[in-house]
């Protein structure tokens, strides 16, 4: 396997999700919808936050997101997450989306954002995030 070449420094956090951008996820020009990228970031946050909270979590907020580079059909989307801050019932995750270009070892950063996730109990009410 060839080494991946990072175009914009190294990703921060742990690789949480990898998925392929397909034609259904793109506009007529072959550009992947930003909303699809954001949905994958949300999914990755749900995985990481649920592990940290040891239970159910929901997305409370997403801090601003700007797309630095486009994604194309065939690119592999790689989502990296890092639990940056843990409050009483919420946590802030730093999330980065990187595109491994189709049939290439080039990885380019597409976007990043802070996601605020809230831990919930069985009744859907906020519950304290357990200590690590």
C-alpha atoms as a PDB file:
ATOM      1  CA  UNK A   1       0.000   0.000   0.000  1.00  0.00           C
ATOM      2  CA  UNK A   2       1.335   3.443  -0.907  1.00  0.00           C
ATOM      3  CA  UNK A   3       1.731   6.157   1.671  1.00  0.00           C
ATOM      4  CA  UNK A   4      -0.946   8.843   1.572  1.00  0.00           C
ATOM      5  CA  UNK A   5       0.284  12.336   0.671  1.00  0.00           C
ATOM      6  CA  UNK A   6      -1.346  15.096   2.751  1.00  0.00           C
ATOM      7  CA  UNK A   7      -1.725  18.388   0.866  1.00  0.00           C
ATOM      8  CA  UNK A   8      -2.669  20.577   3.858  1.00  0.00           C
ATOM      9  CA  UNK A   9      -0.749  19.363   6.914  1.00  0.00           C
ATOM     10  CA  UNK A  10      -1.920  16.344   8.902  1.00  0.00           C
ATOM     11  CA  UNK A  11      -5.459  15.539  10.077  1.00  0.00           C
ATOM     12  CA  UNK A  12      -6.214  16.182  13.743  1.00  0.00           C
ATOM     13  CA  UNK A  13      -8.079  13.553  15.752  1.00  0.00           C
ATOM     14  CA  UNK A  14      -8.906   9.907  15.140  1.00  0.00           C
ATOM     15  CA  UNK A  15     -10.139   8.494  11.858  1.00  0.00           C
ATOM     16  CA  UNK A  16     -13.783   7.773  12.727  1.00  0.00           C
ATOM     17  CA  UNK A  17     -15.478   7.235   9.359  1.00  0.00           C
ATOM     18  CA  UNK A  18     -14.449   6.461   5.758  1.00  0.00           C
ATOM     19  CA  UNK A  19     -16.946   6.372   2.929  1.00  0.00           C
ATOM     20  CA  UNK A  20     -17.090   6.676  -0.835  1.00  0.00           C
ATOM     21  CA  UNK A  21     -18.696   9.648  -2.593  1.00  0.00           C
ATOM     22  CA  UNK A  22     -21.146   8.213  -5.140  1.00  0.00           C
ATOM     23  CA  UNK A  23     -23.046   9.774  -8.087  1.00  0.00           C
ATOM     24  CA  UNK A  24     -26.266  10.034  -6.016  1.00  0.00           C
ATOM     25  CA  UNK A  25     -24.388  12.351  -3.616  1.00  0.00           C
ATOM     26  CA  UNK A  26     -23.427  14.838  -6.365  1.00  0.00           C
ATOM     27  CA  UNK A  27     -24.842  17.574  -8.568  1.00  0.00           C
ATOM     28  CA  UNK A  28     -24.843  17.387 -12.384  1.00  0.00           C
ATOM     29  CA  UNK A  29     -21.239  18.652 -12.532  1.00  0.00           C
ATOM     30  CA  UNK A  30     -20.002  15.791 -10.320  1.00  0.00           C
ATOM     31  CA  UNK A  31     -19.442  17.962  -7.243  1.00  0.00           C
ATOM     32  CA  UNK A  32     -20.489  16.301  -3.986  1.00  0.00           C
ATOM     33  CA  UNK A  33     -23.211  18.136  -2.040  1.00  0.00           C
ATOM     34  CA  UNK A  34     -21.930  20.008   1.020  1.00  0.00           C
ATOM     35  CA  UNK A  35     -24.929  18.697   2.946  1.00  0.00           C
ATOM     36  CA  UNK A  36     -23.826  15.111   2.271  1.00  0.00           C
ATOM     37  CA  UNK A  37     -20.335  15.885   3.613  1.00  0.00           C
ATOM     38  CA  UNK A  38     -21.900  17.537   6.682  1.00  0.00           C
ATOM     39  CA  UNK A  39     -24.183  14.524   7.257  1.00  0.00           C
ATOM     40  CA  UNK A  40     -21.148  12.208   7.278  1.00  0.00           C
ATOM     41  CA  UNK A  41     -19.427  14.522   9.780  1.00  0.00           C
ATOM     42  CA  UNK A  42     -22.575  14.386  11.955  1.00  0.00           C
ATOM     43  CA  UNK A  43     -22.579  10.579  11.757  1.00  0.00           C
ATOM     44  CA  UNK A  44     -18.919  10.414  12.805  1.00  0.00           C
ATOM     45  CA  UNK A  45     -19.608  12.787  15.734  1.00  0.00           C
ATOM     46  CA  UNK A  46     -22.492  10.585  16.833  1.00  0.00           C
ATOM     47  CA  UNK A  47     -20.160   7.562  16.914  1.00  0.00           C
ATOM     48  CA  UNK A  48     -17.356   9.301  18.816  1.00  0.00           C
ATOM     49  CA  UNK A  49     -19.654  11.183  21.247  1.00  0.00           C
ATOM     50  CA  UNK A  50     -21.738   8.083  22.060  1.00  0.00           C
ATOM     51  CA  UNK A  51     -18.522   6.210  22.892  1.00  0.00           C
ATOM     52  CA  UNK A  52     -17.406   9.047  25.193  1.00  0.00           C
ATOM     53  CA  UNK A  53     -20.858   9.497  26.798  1.00  0.00           C
ATOM     54  CA  UNK A  54     -21.366   5.711  26.989  1.00  0.00           C
ATOM     55  CA  UNK A  55     -24.892   6.214  25.685  1.00  0.00           C
ATOM     56  CA  UNK A  56     -27.292   8.154  23.530  1.00  0.00           C
ATOM     57  CA  UNK A  57     -26.268  11.536  22.137  1.00  0.00           C
ATOM     58  CA  UNK A  58     -27.794  14.162  19.844  1.00  0.00           C
ATOM     59  CA  UNK A  59     -26.335  17.026  17.837  1.00  0.00           C
ATOM     60  CA  UNK A  60     -27.156  20.346  19.518  1.00  0.00           C
ATOM     61  CA  UNK A  61     -25.190  22.725  17.291  1.00  0.00           C
ATOM     62  CA  UNK A  62     -22.637  22.977  14.521  1.00  0.00           C
ATOM     63  CA  UNK A  63     -20.299  25.958  14.567  1.00  0.00           C
ATOM     64  CA  UNK A  64     -19.566  27.618  11.227  1.00  0.00           C
ATOM     65  CA  UNK A  65     -18.408  25.469   8.343  1.00  0.00           C
ATOM     66  CA  UNK A  66     -16.749  26.625   5.131  1.00  0.00           C
ATOM     67  CA  UNK A  67     -15.668  24.380   2.295  1.00  0.00           C
ATOM     68  CA  UNK A  68     -12.020  24.870   1.313  1.00  0.00           C
ATOM     69  CA  UNK A  69     -11.957  22.287  -1.500  1.00  0.00           C
ATOM     70  CA  UNK A  70     -14.639  20.451  -3.484  1.00  0.00           C
ATOM     71  CA  UNK A  71     -15.222  16.711  -3.338  1.00  0.00           C
ATOM     72  CA  UNK A  72     -15.824  14.757  -6.510  1.00  0.00           C
ATOM     73  CA  UNK A  73     -17.547  11.475  -7.309  1.00  0.00           C
ATOM     74  CA  UNK A  74     -15.179   8.618  -6.492  1.00  0.00           C
ATOM     75  CA  UNK A  75     -13.265  10.451  -3.755  1.00  0.00           C
ATOM     76  CA  UNK A  76     -13.073   8.706  -0.381  1.00  0.00           C
ATOM     77  CA  UNK A  77     -14.307  10.944   2.432  1.00  0.00           C
ATOM     78  CA  UNK A  78     -12.302  10.496   5.646  1.00  0.00           C
ATOM     79  CA  UNK A  79     -13.740  12.036   8.823  1.00  0.00           C
ATOM     80  CA  UNK A  80     -11.459  12.677  11.807  1.00  0.00           C
ATOM     81  CA  UNK A  81     -12.908  13.522  15.219  1.00  0.00           C
ATOM     82  CA  UNK A  82     -11.468  14.686  18.522  1.00  0.00           C
ATOM     83  CA  UNK A  83     -13.367  15.320  21.770  1.00  0.00           C
ATOM     84  CA  UNK A  84     -12.067  18.801  22.547  1.00  0.00           C
ATOM     85  CA  UNK A  85     -14.128  19.742  25.608  1.00  0.00           C
ATOM     86  CA  UNK A  86     -16.508  17.946  27.955  1.00  0.00           C
ATOM     87  CA  UNK A  87     -19.042  19.951  29.960  1.00  0.00           C
ATOM     88  CA  UNK A  88     -21.696  18.595  32.303  1.00  0.00           C
ATOM     89  CA  UNK A  89     -24.127  17.196  29.700  1.00  0.00           C
ATOM     90  CA  UNK A  90     -22.501  18.338  26.454  1.00  0.00           C
ATOM     91  CA  UNK A  91     -19.229  17.930  24.626  1.00  0.00           C
ATOM     92  CA  UNK A  92     -17.512  19.793  21.816  1.00  0.00           C
ATOM     93  CA  UNK A  93     -15.909  17.764  19.063  1.00  0.00           C
ATOM     94  CA  UNK A  94     -13.410  19.077  16.523  1.00  0.00           C
ATOM     95  CA  UNK A  95     -14.231  17.451  13.196  1.00  0.00           C
ATOM     96  CA  UNK A  96     -12.224  17.446   9.981  1.00  0.00           C
ATOM     97  CA  UNK A  97     -13.320  16.115   6.592  1.00  0.00           C
ATOM     98  CA  UNK A  98     -10.560  15.043   4.192  1.00  0.00           C
ATOM     99  CA  UNK A  99     -10.910  13.779   0.630  1.00  0.00           C
ATOM    100  CA  UNK A 100      -8.661  11.013  -0.614  1.00  0.00           C
ATOM    101  CA  UNK A 101      -8.766  11.736  -4.323  1.00  0.00           C
ATOM    102  CA  UNK A 102     -10.080   9.035  -6.651  1.00  0.00           C
ATOM    103  CA  UNK A 103      -7.410   6.444  -7.552  1.00  0.00           C
ATOM    104  CA  UNK A 104      -4.757   8.631  -5.949  1.00  0.00           C
ATOM    105  CA  UNK A 105      -2.810   8.816  -2.691  1.00  0.00           C
ATOM    106  CA  UNK A 106      -3.455  12.560  -2.372  1.00  0.00           C
ATOM    107  CA  UNK A 107      -5.478  13.643   0.690  1.00  0.00           C
ATOM    108  CA  UNK A 108      -6.894  17.178   0.808  1.00  0.00           C
ATOM    109  CA  UNK A 109      -8.779  18.866   3.643  1.00  0.00           C
ATOM    110  CA  UNK A 110     -12.330  19.684   2.538  1.00  0.00           C
ATOM    111  CA  UNK A 111     -13.766  21.351   5.653  1.00  0.00           C
ATOM    112  CA  UNK A 112     -13.798  21.356   9.447  1.00  0.00           C
ATOM    113  CA  UNK A 113     -16.219  22.399  12.168  1.00  0.00           C
ATOM    114  CA  UNK A 114     -16.986  22.164  15.872  1.00  0.00           C
ATOM    115  CA  UNK A 115     -19.982  19.974  16.698  1.00  0.00           C
ATOM    116  CA  UNK A 116     -21.706  20.280  20.087  1.00  0.00           C
ATOM    117  CA  UNK A 117     -23.247  16.994  21.180  1.00  0.00           C
ATOM    118  CA  UNK A 118     -25.523  16.436  24.205  1.00  0.00           C
ATOM    119  CA  UNK A 119     -25.779  13.182  26.177  1.00  0.00           C
ATOM    120  CA  UNK A 120     -29.340  11.978  26.787  1.00  0.00           C
ATOM    121  CA  UNK A 121     -30.950   9.526  29.197  1.00  0.00           C
ATOM    122  CA  UNK A 122     -33.622   6.953  28.314  1.00  0.00           C
ATOM    123  CA  UNK A 123     -36.347   9.611  28.492  1.00  0.00           C
ATOM    124  CA  UNK A 124     -34.529  11.922  26.086  1.00  0.00           C
ATOM    125  CA  UNK A 125     -33.494  14.399  28.796  1.00  0.00           C
ATOM    126  CA  UNK A 126     -29.896  15.731  29.030  1.00  0.00           C
ATOM    127  CA  UNK A 127     -27.760  13.607  31.355  1.00  0.00           C
ATOM    128  CA  UNK A 128     -24.267  14.134  32.743  1.00  0.00           C
ATOM    129  CA  UNK A 129     -21.366  12.869  30.634  1.00  0.00           C
ATOM    130  CA  UNK A 130     -19.536  10.290  32.782  1.00  0.00           C
ATOM    131  CA  UNK A 131     -15.943  10.931  33.873  1.00  0.00           C
ATOM    132  CA  UNK A 132     -13.358   9.143  31.727  1.00  0.00           C
END
